[in-house]
Amino acid sequence: MSEEKQIADLKSQFRKTTDSELRKQMLDTISAYKNNGIDAINELISSTIDDEVKSYGLNLIKNIKQNS
C-alpha cells in the first residue's frame, strides 16, 4: 500500500473517532512519514477543537522539522 493511501486511511479513521488518545496515536503513526505526514497532521489538527490533540500535533510537526 502506498504512503499516500496509508495516510488517507489514517486521516479517515482520525475523523471517525472522538477519542483523544486514539487520535494522538494516529498522529504518531502519521508522523512516521516525516515530511509527507506534516501536511496531513496540519490538516487534522486544524479540523479538531480538542486543544490537547492540537498541541500534540504541533509538537509532532516541530519534532519532524527539527529532525529532518
PDB file of N, CA and C in Angstrom:
ATOM      1  N   MET A   1       0.849  -1.184   0.000  1.00  0.00           N
ATOM      2  CA  MET A   1       0.000   0.000   0.000  1.00  0.00           C
ATOM      3  C   MET A   1       0.893   1.245   0.000  1.00  0.00           C
ATOM      4  N   SER A   2       0.540   2.211  -0.782  1.00  0.00           N
ATOM      5  CA  SER A   2       1.355   3.426  -0.896  1.00  0.00           C
ATOM      6  C   SER A   2       1.244   4.294   0.362  1.00  0.00           C
ATOM      7  N   GLU A   3       2.242   5.133   0.549  1.00  0.00           N
ATOM      8  CA  GLU A   3       2.224   6.061   1.685  1.00  0.00           C
ATOM      9  C   GLU A   3       0.990   6.947   1.651  1.00  0.00           C
ATOM     10  N   GLU A   4       0.662   7.450   0.461  1.00  0.00           N
ATOM     11  CA  GLU A   4      -0.492   8.345   0.331  1.00  0.00           C
ATOM     12  C   GLU A   4      -1.777   7.651   0.772  1.00  0.00           C
ATOM     13  N   LYS A   5      -1.923   6.383   0.382  1.00  0.00           N
ATOM     14  CA  LYS A   5      -3.126   5.620   0.742  1.00  0.00           C
ATOM     15  C   LYS A   5      -3.165   5.378   2.247  1.00  0.00           C
ATOM     16  N   GLN A   6      -2.020   5.032   2.829  1.00  0.00           N
ATOM     17  CA  GLN A   6      -1.961   4.793   4.271  1.00  0.00           C
ATOM     18  C   GLN A   6      -2.304   6.064   5.050  1.00  0.00           C
ATOM     19  N   ILE A   7      -1.758   7.195   4.613  1.00  0.00           N
ATOM     20  CA  ILE A   7      -2.047   8.470   5.270  1.00  0.00           C
ATOM     21  C   ILE A   7      -3.523   8.811   5.119  1.00  0.00           C
ATOM     22  N   ALA A   8      -4.079   8.591   3.934  1.00  0.00           N
ATOM     23  CA  ALA A   8      -5.509   8.867   3.700  1.00  0.00           C
ATOM     24  C   ALA A   8      -6.379   8.002   4.609  1.00  0.00           C
ATOM     25  N   ASP A   9      -6.018   6.745   4.778  1.00  0.00           N
ATOM     26  CA  ASP A   9      -6.779   5.848   5.659  1.00  0.00           C
ATOM     27  C   ASP A   9      -6.719   6.326   7.106  1.00  0.00           C
ATOM     28  N   LEU A  10      -5.537   6.745   7.554  1.00  0.00           N
ATOM     29  CA  LEU A  10      -5.383   7.247   8.918  1.00  0.00           C
ATOM     30  C   LEU A  10      -6.185   8.531   9.124  1.00  0.00           C
ATOM     31  N   LYS A  11      -6.175   9.402   8.118  1.00  0.00           N
ATOM     32  CA  LYS A  11      -6.954  10.644   8.223  1.00  0.00           C
ATOM     33  C   LYS A  11      -8.439  10.326   8.350  1.00  0.00           C
ATOM     34  N   SER A  12      -8.895   9.348   7.589  1.00  0.00           N
ATOM     35  CA  SER A  12     -10.295   8.954   7.645  1.00  0.00           C
ATOM     36  C   SER A  12     -10.654   8.400   9.025  1.00  0.00           C
ATOM     37  N   GLN A  13      -9.793   7.553   9.562  1.00  0.00           N
ATOM     38  CA  GLN A  13     -10.027   6.985  10.898  1.00  0.00           C
ATOM     39  C   GLN A  13     -10.018   8.089  11.956  1.00  0.00           C
ATOM     40  N   PHE A  14      -9.101   9.036  11.824  1.00  0.00           N
ATOM     41  CA  PHE A  14      -8.996  10.153  12.767  1.00  0.00           C
ATOM     42  C   PHE A  14     -10.322  10.902  12.835  1.00  0.00           C
ATOM     43  N   ARG A  15     -10.903  11.143  11.668  1.00  0.00           N
ATOM     44  CA  ARG A  15     -12.152  11.912  11.608  1.00  0.00           C
ATOM     45  C   ARG A  15     -13.348  11.145  12.166  1.00  0.00           C
ATOM     46  N   LYS A  16     -13.242   9.822  12.213  1.00  0.00           N
ATOM     47  CA  LYS A  16     -14.363   8.998  12.674  1.00  0.00           C
ATOM     48  C   LYS A  16     -14.376   8.783  14.176  1.00  0.00           C
ATOM     49  N   THR A  17     -13.298   9.147  14.869  1.00  0.00           N
ATOM     50  CA  THR A  17     -13.245   8.936  16.310  1.00  0.00           C
ATOM     51  C   THR A  17     -13.167  10.268  17.050  1.00  0.00           C
ATOM     52  N   THR A  18     -13.623  10.252  18.290  1.00  0.00           N
ATOM     53  CA  THR A  18     -13.505  11.441  19.129  1.00  0.00           C
ATOM     54  C   THR A  18     -12.583  11.176  20.318  1.00  0.00           C
ATOM     55  N   ASP A  19     -12.037   9.973  20.399  1.00  0.00           N
ATOM     56  CA  ASP A  19     -11.152   9.594  21.498  1.00  0.00           C
ATOM     57  C   ASP A  19      -9.796  10.278  21.348  1.00  0.00           C
ATOM     58  N   SER A  20      -9.450  11.141  22.289  1.00  0.00           N
ATOM     59  CA  SER A  20      -8.216  11.928  22.211  1.00  0.00           C
ATOM     60  C   SER A  20      -6.964  11.054  22.145  1.00  0.00           C
ATOM     61  N   GLU A  21      -6.912  10.012  22.961  1.00  0.00           N
ATOM     62  CA  GLU A  21      -5.728   9.156  22.982  1.00  0.00           C
ATOM     63  C   GLU A  21      -5.564   8.419  21.662  1.00  0.00           C
ATOM     64  N   LEU A  22      -6.655   7.943  21.115  1.00  0.00           N
ATOM     65  CA  LEU A  22      -6.618   7.259  19.827  1.00  0.00           C
ATOM     66  C   LEU A  22      -6.186   8.221  18.721  1.00  0.00           C
ATOM     67  N   ARG A  23      -6.696   9.437  18.776  1.00  0.00           N
ATOM     68  CA  ARG A  23      -6.302  10.440  17.791  1.00  0.00           C
ATOM     69  C   ARG A  23      -4.810  10.744  17.883  1.00  0.00           C
ATOM     70  N   LYS A  24      -4.278  10.832  19.090  1.00  0.00           N
ATOM     71  CA  LYS A  24      -2.843  11.100  19.258  1.00  0.00           C
ATOM     72  C   LYS A  24      -2.012   9.939  18.721  1.00  0.00           C
ATOM     73  N   GLN A  25      -2.487   8.707  18.920  1.00  0.00           N
ATOM     74  CA  GLN A  25      -1.783   7.550  18.370  1.00  0.00           C
ATOM     75  C   GLN A  25      -1.750   7.608  16.846  1.00  0.00           C
ATOM     76  N   MET A  26      -2.865   8.020  16.256  1.00  0.00           N
ATOM     77  CA  MET A  26      -2.917   8.139  14.798  1.00  0.00           C
ATOM     78  C   MET A  26      -1.950   9.220  14.308  1.00  0.00           C
ATOM     79  N   LEU A  27      -1.880  10.330  15.031  1.00  0.00           N
ATOM     80  CA  LEU A  27      -0.929  11.388  14.666  1.00  0.00           C
ATOM     81  C   LEU A  27       0.504  10.874  14.769  1.00  0.00           C
ATOM     82  N   ASP A  28       0.782  10.072  15.798  1.00  0.00           N
ATOM     83  CA  ASP A  28       2.108   9.462  15.934  1.00  0.00           C
ATOM     84  C   ASP A  28       2.441   8.613  14.711  1.00  0.00           C
ATOM     85  N   THR A  29       1.457   7.816  14.294  1.00  0.00           N
ATOM     86  CA  THR A  29       1.664   6.948  13.135  1.00  0.00           C
ATOM     87  C   THR A  29       1.923   7.773  11.884  1.00  0.00           C
ATOM     88  N   ILE A  30       1.145   8.828  11.693  1.00  0.00           N
ATOM     89  CA  ILE A  30       1.337   9.701  10.530  1.00  0.00           C
ATOM     90  C   ILE A  30       2.698  10.381  10.589  1.00  0.00           C
ATOM     91  N   SER A  31       3.160  10.712  11.786  1.00  0.00           N
ATOM     92  CA  SER A  31       4.454  11.399  11.914  1.00  0.00           C
ATOM     93  C   SER A  31       5.612  10.523  11.450  1.00  0.00           C
ATOM     94  N   ALA A  32       5.415   9.214  11.405  1.00  0.00           N
ATOM     95  CA  ALA A  32       6.461   8.306  10.920  1.00  0.00           C
ATOM     96  C   ALA A  32       6.762   8.544   9.439  1.00  0.00           C
ATOM     97  N   TYR A  33       5.842   9.203   8.727  1.00  0.00           N
ATOM     98  CA  TYR A  33       6.043   9.500   7.313  1.00  0.00           C
ATOM     99  C   TYR A  33       6.828  10.797   7.105  1.00  0.00           C
ATOM    100  N   LYS A  34       7.357  11.314   8.209  1.00  0.00           N
ATOM    101  CA  LYS A  34       8.200  12.516   8.189  1.00  0.00           C
ATOM    102  C   LYS A  34       7.536  13.675   7.442  1.00  0.00           C
ATOM    103  N   ASN A  35       8.226  14.239   6.461  1.00  0.00           N
ATOM    104  CA  ASN A  35       7.712  15.417   5.758  1.00  0.00           C
ATOM    105  C   ASN A  35       6.392  15.155   5.040  1.00  0.00           C
ATOM    106  N   ASN A  36       6.180  13.931   4.580  1.00  0.00           N
ATOM    107  CA  ASN A  36       4.914  13.602   3.918  1.00  0.00           C
ATOM    108  C   ASN A  36       3.748  13.643   4.915  1.00  0.00           C
ATOM    109  N   GLY A  37       4.045  13.473   6.179  1.00  0.00           N
ATOM    110  CA  GLY A  37       2.995  13.476   7.190  1.00  0.00           C
ATOM    111  C   GLY A  37       2.646  14.856   7.725  1.00  0.00           C
ATOM    112  N   ILE A  38       3.519  15.828   7.529  1.00  0.00           N
ATOM    113  CA  ILE A  38       3.307  17.161   8.098  1.00  0.00           C
ATOM    114  C   ILE A  38       2.003  17.786   7.607  1.00  0.00           C
ATOM    115  N   ASP A  39       1.770  17.750   6.305  1.00  0.00           N
ATOM    116  CA  ASP A  39       0.536  18.347   5.771  1.00  0.00           C
ATOM    117  C   ASP A  39      -0.705  17.656   6.329  1.00  0.00           C
ATOM    118  N   ALA A  40      -0.638  16.333   6.436  1.00  0.00           N
ATOM    119  CA  ALA A  40      -1.774  15.582   6.966  1.00  0.00           C
ATOM    120  C   ALA A  40      -2.033  15.943   8.428  1.00  0.00           C
ATOM    121  N   ILE A  41      -0.974  16.029   9.211  1.00  0.00           N
ATOM    122  CA  ILE A  41      -1.120  16.392  10.627  1.00  0.00           C
ATOM    123  C   ILE A  41      -1.705  17.796  10.740  1.00  0.00           C
ATOM    124  N   ASN A  42      -1.175  18.721   9.942  1.00  0.00           N
ATOM    125  CA  ASN A  42      -1.692  20.093   9.935  1.00  0.00           C
ATOM    126  C   ASN A  42      -3.185  20.115   9.625  1.00  0.00           C
ATOM    127  N   GLU A  43      -3.564  19.376   8.613  1.00  0.00           N
ATOM    128  CA  GLU A  43      -4.969  19.332   8.203  1.00  0.00           C
ATOM    129  C   GLU A  43      -5.852  18.782   9.323  1.00  0.00           C
ATOM    130  N   LEU A  44      -5.393  17.721   9.970  1.00  0.00           N
ATOM    131  CA  LEU A  44      -6.202  17.090  11.014  1.00  0.00           C
ATOM    132  C   LEU A  44      -6.315  17.958  12.263  1.00  0.00           C
ATOM    133  N   ILE A  45      -5.207  18.555  12.684  1.00  0.00           N
ATOM    134  CA  ILE A  45      -5.293  19.354  13.915  1.00  0.00           C
ATOM    135  C   ILE A  45      -6.070  20.645  13.690  1.00  0.00           C
ATOM    136  N   SER A  46      -6.125  21.109  12.458  1.00  0.00           N
ATOM    137  CA  SER A  46      -6.910  22.316  12.208  1.00  0.00           C
ATOM    138  C   SER A  46      -8.409  22.009  12.159  1.00  0.00           C
ATOM    139  N   SER A  47      -8.738  20.726  12.045  1.00  0.00           N
ATOM    140  CA  SER A  47     -10.148  20.345  11.978  1.00  0.00           C
ATOM    141  C   SER A  47     -10.706  19.874  13.318  1.00  0.00           C
ATOM    142  N   THR A  48      -9.887  19.888  14.361  1.00  0.00           N
ATOM    143  CA  THR A  48     -10.366  19.429  15.670  1.00  0.00           C
ATOM    144  C   THR A  48     -10.469  20.600  16.647  1.00  0.00           C
ATOM    145  N   ILE A  49     -11.363  20.467  17.604  1.00  0.00           N
ATOM    146  CA  ILE A  49     -11.487  21.502  18.632  1.00  0.00           C
ATOM    147  C   ILE A  49     -10.791  21.085  19.927  1.00  0.00           C
ATOM    148  N   ASP A  50     -10.222  19.883  19.932  1.00  0.00           N
ATOM    149  CA  ASP A  50      -9.544  19.341  21.114  1.00  0.00           C
ATOM    150  C   ASP A  50      -8.155  19.969  21.233  1.00  0.00           C
ATOM    151  N   ASP A  51      -7.990  20.874  22.191  1.00  0.00           N
ATOM    152  CA  ASP A  51      -6.724  21.595  22.350  1.00  0.00           C
ATOM    153  C   ASP A  51      -5.556  20.662  22.651  1.00  0.00           C
ATOM    154  N   GLU A  52      -5.826  19.594  23.388  1.00  0.00           N
ATOM    155  CA  GLU A  52      -4.766  18.641  23.725  1.00  0.00           C
ATOM    156  C   GLU A  52      -4.232  17.971  22.455  1.00  0.00           C
ATOM    157  N   VAL A  53      -5.136  17.582  21.571  1.00  0.00           N
ATOM    158  CA  VAL A  53      -4.747  16.942  20.315  1.00  0.00           C
ATOM    159  C   VAL A  53      -4.031  17.949  19.414  1.00  0.00           C
ATOM    160  N   LYS A  54      -4.523  19.186  19.376  1.00  0.00           N
ATOM    161  CA  LYS A  54      -3.865  20.229  18.573  1.00  0.00           C
ATOM    162  C   LYS A  54      -2.428  20.448  19.040  1.00  0.00           C
ATOM    163  N   SER A  55      -2.252  20.598  20.328  1.00  0.00           N
ATOM    164  CA  SER A  55      -0.933  20.828  20.896  1.00  0.00           C
ATOM    165  C   SER A  55      -0.002  19.647  20.603  1.00  0.00           C
ATOM    166  N   TYR A  56      -0.536  18.450  20.741  1.00  0.00           N
ATOM    167  CA  TYR A  56       0.243  17.242  20.476  1.00  0.00           C
ATOM    168  C   TYR A  56       0.709  17.225  19.018  1.00  0.00           C
ATOM    169  N   GLY A  57      -0.202  17.530  18.112  1.00  0.00           N
ATOM    170  CA  GLY A  57       0.127  17.554  16.689  1.00  0.00           C
ATOM    171  C   GLY A  57       1.164  18.600  16.354  1.00  0.00           C
ATOM    172  N   LEU A  58       1.032  19.779  16.946  1.00  0.00           N
ATOM    173  CA  LEU A  58       2.005  20.846  16.701  1.00  0.00           C
ATOM    174  C   LEU A  58       3.397  20.441  17.179  1.00  0.00           C
ATOM    175  N   ASN A  59       3.458  19.761  18.321  1.00  0.00           N
ATOM    176  CA  ASN A  59       4.750  19.284  18.823  1.00  0.00           C
ATOM    177  C   ASN A  59       5.350  18.231  17.896  1.00  0.00           C
ATOM    178  N   LEU A  60       4.498  17.366  17.341  1.00  0.00           N
ATOM    179  CA  LEU A  60       4.996  16.364  16.388  1.00  0.00           C
ATOM    180  C   LEU A  60       5.597  17.043  15.162  1.00  0.00           C
ATOM    181  N   ILE A  61       4.900  18.048  14.639  1.00  0.00           N
ATOM    182  CA  ILE A  61       5.399  18.775  13.460  1.00  0.00           C
ATOM    183  C   ILE A  61       6.736  19.432  13.780  1.00  0.00           C
ATOM    184  N   LYS A  62       6.822  20.047  14.944  1.00  0.00           N
ATOM    185  CA  LYS A  62       8.065  20.700  15.367  1.00  0.00           C
ATOM    186  C   LYS A  62       9.209  19.687  15.436  1.00  0.00           C
ATOM    187  N   ASN A  63       8.935  18.510  16.003  1.00  0.00           N
ATOM    188  CA  ASN A  63       9.968  17.482  16.107  1.00  0.00           C
ATOM    189  C   ASN A  63      10.384  16.952  14.736  1.00  0.00           C
ATOM    190  N   ILE A  64       9.422  16.773  13.836  1.00  0.00           N
ATOM    191  CA  ILE A  64       9.756  16.311  12.480  1.00  0.00           C
ATOM    192  C   ILE A  64      10.674  17.317  11.800  1.00  0.00           C
ATOM    193  N   LYS A  65      10.339  18.592  11.912  1.00  0.00           N
ATOM    194  CA  LYS A  65      11.149  19.625  11.253  1.00  0.00           C
ATOM    195  C   LYS A  65      12.543  19.720  11.851  1.00  0.00           C
ATOM    196  N   GLN A  66      12.648  19.532  13.163  1.00  0.00           N
ATOM    197  CA  GLN A  66      13.961  19.602  13.823  1.00  0.00           C
ATOM    198  C   GLN A  66      14.851  18.417  13.446  1.00  0.00           C
ATOM    199  N   ASN A  67      14.224  17.275  13.191  1.00  0.00           N
ATOM    200  CA  ASN A  67      14.990  16.055  12.946  1.00  0.00           C
ATOM    201  C   ASN A  67      15.168  15.725  11.469  1.00  0.00           C
ATOM    202  N   SER A  68      14.720  16.619  10.597  1.00  0.00           N
ATOM    203  CA  SER A  68      14.873  16.300   9.171  1.00  0.00           C
ATOM    204  C   SER A  68      15.942  17.140   8.516  1.00  0.00           C
TER     205      SER A  68
END
